[in-house]
């Protein structure tokens, strides 16, 4: 799995999307759903933190790729 595929999976988008707005909306959706502050139980919060970190890394990757 290459880096772009890994990051696309983290944002639950198709590989090869060229519209940064679609990527941005997917990132915001992930963060609304998995932001650690949305969870009270420690185990759920830890899982959400992992997902949020992956979403942040993916968003940063695509920002660099599209010079945003």
C-alpha atoms as a PDB file:
ATOM      1  CA  UNK A   1       0.000   0.000   0.000  1.00  0.00           C
ATOM      2  CA  UNK A   2       1.533   3.301  -1.032  1.00  0.00           C
ATOM      3  CA  UNK A   3       1.368   6.465   1.044  1.00  0.00           C
ATOM      4  CA  UNK A   4      -1.473   8.084  -0.896  1.00  0.00           C
ATOM      5  CA  UNK A   5      -3.593   4.940  -0.627  1.00  0.00           C
ATOM      6  CA  UNK A   6      -3.001   4.802   3.129  1.00  0.00           C
ATOM      7  CA  UNK A   7      -4.007   8.435   3.585  1.00  0.00           C
ATOM      8  CA  UNK A   8      -7.045   8.113   1.324  1.00  0.00           C
ATOM      9  CA  UNK A   9      -8.210   5.166   3.423  1.00  0.00           C
ATOM     10  CA  UNK A  10      -7.764   7.220   6.597  1.00  0.00           C
ATOM     11  CA  UNK A  11     -10.155   9.832   5.187  1.00  0.00           C
ATOM     12  CA  UNK A  12     -12.464   7.191   3.661  1.00  0.00           C
ATOM     13  CA  UNK A  13     -12.099   8.624   0.154  1.00  0.00           C
ATOM     14  CA  UNK A  14     -11.247   7.047  -3.188  1.00  0.00           C
ATOM     15  CA  UNK A  15      -7.646   7.008  -4.336  1.00  0.00           C
ATOM     16  CA  UNK A  16      -6.898   9.529  -7.066  1.00  0.00           C
ATOM     17  CA  UNK A  17      -9.296  12.298  -6.081  1.00  0.00           C
ATOM     18  CA  UNK A  18      -7.975  15.543  -7.513  1.00  0.00           C
ATOM     19  CA  UNK A  19     -10.468  17.981  -5.951  1.00  0.00           C
ATOM     20  CA  UNK A  20      -8.976  19.232  -2.678  1.00  0.00           C
ATOM     21  CA  UNK A  21     -12.411  20.442  -1.532  1.00  0.00           C
ATOM     22  CA  UNK A  22     -13.626  16.816  -1.468  1.00  0.00           C
ATOM     23  CA  UNK A  23     -10.586  15.888   0.620  1.00  0.00           C
ATOM     24  CA  UNK A  24     -11.177  18.809   2.982  1.00  0.00           C
ATOM     25  CA  UNK A  25     -14.826  17.855   3.492  1.00  0.00           C
ATOM     26  CA  UNK A  26     -13.855  14.240   4.178  1.00  0.00           C
ATOM     27  CA  UNK A  27     -11.307  15.432   6.737  1.00  0.00           C
ATOM     28  CA  UNK A  28     -13.859  17.646   8.493  1.00  0.00           C
ATOM     29  CA  UNK A  29     -16.368  14.796   8.540  1.00  0.00           C
ATOM     30  CA  UNK A  30     -13.802  12.473  10.143  1.00  0.00           C
ATOM     31  CA  UNK A  31     -12.881  15.067  12.748  1.00  0.00           C
ATOM     32  CA  UNK A  32     -16.517  15.763  13.655  1.00  0.00           C
ATOM     33  CA  UNK A  33     -17.133  12.048  14.043  1.00  0.00           C
ATOM     34  CA  UNK A  34     -13.908  11.016  15.796  1.00  0.00           C
ATOM     35  CA  UNK A  35     -12.683  14.059  17.698  1.00  0.00           C
ATOM     36  CA  UNK A  36     -11.520  12.778  21.109  1.00  0.00           C
ATOM     37  CA  UNK A  37     -13.577  15.416  22.950  1.00  0.00           C
ATOM     38  CA  UNK A  38     -16.727  13.665  21.692  1.00  0.00           C
ATOM     39  CA  UNK A  39     -16.044  10.605  23.863  1.00  0.00           C
ATOM     40  CA  UNK A  40     -16.239  10.272  27.628  1.00  0.00           C
ATOM     41  CA  UNK A  41     -14.990   6.731  28.106  1.00  0.00           C
ATOM     42  CA  UNK A  42     -11.203   6.491  28.129  1.00  0.00           C
ATOM     43  CA  UNK A  43     -11.054   3.487  25.777  1.00  0.00           C
ATOM     44  CA  UNK A  44     -13.244   5.212  23.197  1.00  0.00           C
ATOM     45  CA  UNK A  45     -11.251   8.421  23.593  1.00  0.00           C
ATOM     46  CA  UNK A  46      -7.970   6.558  22.920  1.00  0.00           C
ATOM     47  CA  UNK A  47      -9.412   4.950  19.772  1.00  0.00           C
ATOM     48  CA  UNK A  48     -10.704   8.331  18.607  1.00  0.00           C
ATOM     49  CA  UNK A  49      -7.291   9.900  19.186  1.00  0.00           C
ATOM     50  CA  UNK A  50      -5.668   7.314  16.924  1.00  0.00           C
ATOM     51  CA  UNK A  51      -8.206   7.942  14.168  1.00  0.00           C
ATOM     52  CA  UNK A  52      -7.901  11.724  14.565  1.00  0.00           C
ATOM     53  CA  UNK A  53      -4.106  11.565  14.299  1.00  0.00           C
ATOM     54  CA  UNK A  54      -4.377   9.494  11.118  1.00  0.00           C
ATOM     55  CA  UNK A  55      -6.894  11.970   9.671  1.00  0.00           C
ATOM     56  CA  UNK A  56      -4.587  14.884  10.527  1.00  0.00           C
ATOM     57  CA  UNK A  57      -1.611  13.169   8.891  1.00  0.00           C
ATOM     58  CA  UNK A  58      -3.689  12.407   5.799  1.00  0.00           C
ATOM     59  CA  UNK A  59      -4.949  15.986   5.580  1.00  0.00           C
ATOM     60  CA  UNK A  60      -1.385  17.312   5.875  1.00  0.00           C
ATOM     61  CA  UNK A  61      -0.223  14.899   3.169  1.00  0.00           C
ATOM     62  CA  UNK A  62      -2.892  16.081   0.724  1.00  0.00           C
ATOM     63  CA  UNK A  63      -2.330  19.749   1.606  1.00  0.00           C
ATOM     64  CA  UNK A  64       1.306  19.345   0.600  1.00  0.00           C
ATOM     65  CA  UNK A  65       0.392  17.371  -2.514  1.00  0.00           C
ATOM     66  CA  UNK A  66      -2.049  20.056  -3.709  1.00  0.00           C
ATOM     67  CA  UNK A  67       0.023  23.020  -2.409  1.00  0.00           C
ATOM     68  CA  UNK A  68      -2.770  24.275  -0.155  1.00  0.00           C
END
